[in-house]
């Protein structure tokens, strides 16, 4: 596959901006002069405000795997693929309604801290295993979708794009912790928003594009009667499985106050 030079230049500039922003956020945090604690690294000193909070909480769900996976799901299965974003939105609402305020008021550092307090370290260690496994698969899905997209746009090998993407994210995270991640979330969300709108005219002008009315049966789709229970099960899995997710609770516990955390989770779900 030939390398697309201008695509490669655009991706290089994007990664450079992300890297610079991540390092700047780390420098901005360390400029305060105090020694970094676990809360500073993992929870950004519990100092994330409204604007940064809304972007980083939205970014917990809206990433490459959701954008690519949802597009492919609607193309192959119709609107029934919306169970994924609907389920994740519902999980955020449930988390905000039942758990967010209490978790933030008690100043936990991770979502497993309440279990550690109630059941001890051994039981918490067992509970850590499914959470860890879920995160591994989530990261793999995110990097895979990103690598596939860059392979199509740029023309580089899949493993190269995944390795470079992971390395950039790892470096600025090691330098700045959640501060760097949160600031880069803002830039990435803006790029996703602008990029998707820029892609529309190119998609509409593609010679393979046909009228939506001609393909409505396929992209609207339907759930066969024998699959309704499976669809409901998948939706419930998204709703309930999205609550015990460390990435979500890391952002929640990093908010300045319990009230702000509650409002931001509702806003992120919307």
Foldseek 3Di string as FASTA:
>chain_A
DDFDVVLVVVVVVLLVVLLVLLLVLLVVLCVVPDDDDPCCFLQVVLADEQPLLLLLLLLVQDALLCVVVLVVCLQAAAPLSCLQLVLQLLLLLVCLVPPLLVCQVVLDQWPLVVVCVVPNDVVSVVVVVVQVVVVVVVLVSRLQSQLVVSCVRGVDDSVVSSVVVVVSVVVSSVSRHVSSVSSSSVVVVVCVVVVVVVCVVVQCPDPVDDDCVVCVCRSNHDQDPVCPVVSVVSSNCSNVVSNNHGSNVSSSNSHNHSVSSSVSSNSSSD
